[in-house]
């Protein structure tokens, strides 16, 4: 493996989302961790609470996809 390939792999690992990463949640207007976002989505989806900001949230969907790709 060449040095360039190793550096490319290292960059990919750094770009992955972890559960501790934070972001600004637009619907809730505050900073959340990815873990909290996932938990809130699961709760809203499980109980079908359509009034929740997390139910059908496009930003949360993007977070879930990005986290799943990195896992």
Protein backbone atom coordinates (compact mmCIF):
# COMPACT_ATOMS: atom_id res chain seq x y z
CA UNK A 1 0.00 0.00 0.00
CA UNK A 2 1.36 3.39 -0.92
CA UNK A 3 1.55 6.45 1.29
CA UNK A 4 -1.13 8.20 -0.79
CA UNK A 5 -3.53 5.28 -0.28
CA UNK A 6 -2.93 5.31 3.47
CA UNK A 7 -3.55 9.05 3.65
CA UNK A 8 -6.76 8.63 1.66
CA UNK A 9 -8.01 5.95 4.08
CA UNK A 10 -7.09 8.12 7.06
CA UNK A 11 -9.05 11.07 5.61
CA UNK A 12 -12.09 8.87 5.03
CA UNK A 13 -12.02 7.70 8.65
CA UNK A 14 -11.83 11.28 9.91
CA UNK A 15 -14.87 12.28 7.82
CA UNK A 16 -17.09 9.64 9.42
CA UNK A 17 -19.76 10.71 11.84
CA UNK A 18 -19.65 9.41 15.39
CA UNK A 19 -22.44 9.44 17.94
CA UNK A 20 -20.64 12.20 19.86
CA UNK A 21 -20.45 14.61 16.88
CA UNK A 22 -22.56 17.73 17.26
CA UNK A 23 -24.57 19.73 14.74
CA UNK A 24 -27.08 22.58 14.80
CA UNK A 25 -30.60 21.20 14.56
CA UNK A 26 -32.69 23.70 12.60
CA UNK A 27 -36.16 22.41 13.60
CA UNK A 28 -35.30 22.38 17.32
CA UNK A 29 -33.03 25.45 17.13
CA UNK A 30 -30.22 24.05 19.27
CA UNK A 31 -27.04 21.99 19.12
CA UNK A 32 -27.54 18.24 19.39
CA UNK A 33 -25.35 15.18 19.18
CA UNK A 34 -25.95 12.60 16.48
CA UNK A 35 -26.86 10.16 19.25
CA UNK A 36 -29.61 12.44 20.59
CA UNK A 37 -30.93 13.00 17.06
CA UNK A 38 -31.13 9.25 16.44
CA UNK A 39 -32.81 8.61 19.80
CA UNK A 40 -35.39 11.36 19.25
CA UNK A 41 -36.16 10.09 15.75
CA UNK A 42 -36.58 6.51 16.97
CA UNK A 43 -38.90 7.66 19.75
CA UNK A 44 -41.00 9.83 17.44
CA UNK A 45 -41.20 7.08 14.83
CA UNK A 46 -42.02 4.33 17.34
CA UNK A 47 -44.83 6.28 18.97
CA UNK A 48 -46.01 7.95 15.76
CA UNK A 49 -45.88 11.40 17.34
CA UNK A 50 -46.44 13.55 14.28
CA UNK A 51 -46.15 16.76 16.30
CA UNK A 52 -42.52 16.02 17.12
CA UNK A 53 -39.90 18.07 15.29
CA UNK A 54 -38.03 14.82 14.62
CA UNK A 55 -40.83 13.09 12.73
CA UNK A 56 -39.96 13.23 8.99
CA UNK A 57 -37.08 15.65 9.60
CA UNK A 58 -34.96 16.03 6.41
CA UNK A 59 -31.88 17.08 8.38
CA UNK A 60 -32.24 14.08 10.69
CA UNK A 61 -32.63 11.84 7.66
CA UNK A 62 -29.38 13.17 6.23
CA UNK A 63 -27.67 12.55 9.59
CA UNK A 64 -28.93 8.97 9.73
CA UNK A 65 -27.74 8.25 6.20
CA UNK A 66 -24.31 9.79 6.83
CA UNK A 67 -23.91 7.85 10.08
CA UNK A 68 -24.98 4.58 8.41
CA UNK A 69 -22.48 5.07 5.58
CA UNK A 70 -19.65 5.55 8.06
CA UNK A 71 -20.48 2.49 10.14
